[in-house]
Amino acid sequence: MSIGTLRKRVSFQSEQMTADGAGGYVLSWVTVMTVWAEIEPLQGSKRYVDGHLEAEATHKITARYQSGLTTDMRITYSGRTFKILSLLNKGERNQWLDVMVREGGAA
């Protein structure tokens, strides 16, 4: 992997409880880290869900290895949101991370 292919600035976000000012809490997404990455589309599909057409795409996002990431997080890039499906430590060497994600569809 060449570092020159990491041209997209992506943010890893985690869901956290935030005070709503009225004594309660709301769930909100908070950016944990922002890194340079490569986004590679893998597959796209369309299907009908509850009477409407829904598009879905899967991608592989490659970045330098980061510890502490989980599949409970999500990735955002340029107004787009990706659900993390799996985190793969390439070669188990803690150098590169392949993140399999799904964009679109029901979250």
Protein backbone atom coordinates (compact mmCIF):
# COMPACT_ATOMS: atom_id res chain seq x y z
CA MET A 1 0.00 0.00 0.00
CA SER A 2 1.34 3.40 -0.97
CA ILE A 3 0.61 6.30 1.37
CA GLY A 4 -0.05 8.41 -1.74
CA THR A 5 -3.39 6.63 -2.25
CA LEU A 6 -4.72 7.95 1.08
CA ARG A 7 -6.42 11.05 -0.34
CA LYS A 8 -9.75 11.14 1.53
CA ARG A 9 -10.13 12.67 5.00
CA VAL A 10 -12.54 10.40 6.92
CA SER A 11 -13.85 10.65 10.48
CA PHE A 12 -14.52 7.76 12.85
CA GLN A 13 -17.47 8.56 15.10
CA SER A 14 -18.83 6.97 18.27
CA GLU A 15 -22.35 7.26 19.66
CA GLN A 16 -22.43 8.99 23.05
CA MET A 17 -25.07 10.17 25.51
CA THR A 18 -25.25 13.98 25.67
CA ALA A 19 -27.24 16.06 28.17
CA ASP A 20 -30.27 17.66 26.49
CA GLY A 21 -30.51 20.61 28.92
CA ALA A 22 -33.86 19.46 30.31
CA GLY A 23 -32.53 16.86 32.70
CA GLY A 24 -32.46 14.06 30.15
CA TYR A 25 -30.05 12.71 27.60
CA VAL A 26 -29.97 12.21 23.85
CA LEU A 27 -27.76 9.95 21.76
CA SER A 28 -25.44 11.82 19.40
CA TRP A 29 -22.44 10.95 17.22
CA VAL A 30 -19.07 12.38 18.30
CA THR A 31 -15.90 12.33 16.19
CA VAL A 32 -13.23 10.15 17.82
CA MET A 33 -10.51 10.62 15.19
CA THR A 34 -10.00 11.91 11.66
CA VAL A 35 -7.52 10.16 9.36
CA TRP A 36 -6.41 10.01 5.72
CA ALA A 37 -7.84 7.01 3.87
CA GLU A 38 -8.60 5.38 0.53
CA ILE A 39 -12.23 4.55 -0.29
CA GLU A 40 -12.81 1.74 -2.77
CA PRO A 41 -16.37 0.85 -3.90
CA LEU A 42 -16.95 -2.91 -4.01
CA GLN A 43 -20.62 -3.57 -4.75
CA GLY A 44 -23.91 -1.72 -5.18
CA SER A 45 -27.54 -2.83 -5.14
CA LYS A 46 -31.10 -1.54 -5.10
CA ARG A 47 -34.10 -3.12 -3.41
CA TYR A 48 -37.63 -2.32 -2.33
CA VAL A 49 -38.11 -1.85 1.41
CA ASP A 50 -41.51 -0.93 2.84
CA GLY A 51 -42.77 0.15 -0.58
CA HIS A 52 -39.86 2.39 -1.58
CA LEU A 53 -36.62 1.86 -3.49
CA GLU A 54 -33.50 1.81 -1.32
CA ALA A 55 -29.92 1.88 -2.62
CA GLU A 56 -27.03 0.26 -0.79
CA ALA A 57 -23.32 0.09 -1.51
CA THR A 58 -20.40 -1.66 0.14
CA HIS A 59 -16.92 -0.19 0.25
CA LYS A 60 -13.46 -0.97 1.57
CA ILE A 61 -11.83 1.92 3.41
CA THR A 62 -8.08 1.56 3.93
CA ALA A 63 -6.15 3.67 6.45
CA ARG A 64 -3.11 3.42 8.67
CA TYR A 65 -3.73 1.11 11.61
CA GLN A 66 -5.54 2.67 14.57
CA SER A 67 -6.23 0.90 17.86
CA GLY A 68 -9.46 1.29 19.81
CA LEU A 69 -11.83 1.20 16.83
CA THR A 70 -14.95 -0.99 16.98
CA THR A 71 -17.85 -2.03 14.75
CA ASP A 72 -20.15 0.07 16.99
CA MET A 73 -18.63 3.16 15.36
CA ARG A 74 -19.36 4.71 11.98
CA ILE A 75 -17.34 6.61 9.38
CA THR A 76 -18.30 9.89 7.76
CA TYR A 77 -16.82 11.40 4.62
CA SER A 78 -17.99 14.44 2.67
CA GLY A 79 -21.58 14.27 3.95
CA ARG A 80 -21.78 10.50 3.53
CA THR A 81 -22.17 7.97 6.34
CA PHE A 82 -20.78 4.43 6.42
CA LYS A 83 -21.73 1.67 8.88
CA ILE A 84 -18.65 -0.35 9.92
CA LEU A 85 -19.14 -4.07 9.21
CA SER A 86 -15.63 -5.31 10.05
CA LEU A 87 -12.12 -4.10 10.89
CA LEU A 88 -9.25 -6.10 9.36
CA ASN A 89 -5.65 -5.62 10.55
CA LYS A 90 -3.79 -6.41 7.28
CA GLY A 91 -1.15 -9.05 7.93
CA GLU A 92 -1.65 -8.62 11.69
CA ARG A 93 1.26 -6.13 11.60
CA ASN A 94 -0.53 -3.05 13.00
CA GLN A 95 0.37 -1.04 9.89
CA TRP A 96 -2.73 -0.99 7.66
CA LEU A 97 -6.42 -1.34 8.44
CA ASP A 98 -9.08 -2.44 5.97
CA VAL A 99 -12.53 -1.35 7.13
CA MET A 100 -15.44 -3.04 5.39
CA VAL A 101 -18.44 -0.68 5.39
CA ARG A 102 -21.99 -0.30 4.07
CA GLU A 103 -23.33 3.00 2.78
CA GLY A 104 -27.02 3.71 2.37
CA GLY A 105 -30.00 1.60 3.28
CA ALA A 106 -31.49 1.33 6.73
CA ALA A 107 -28.90 2.02 9.44
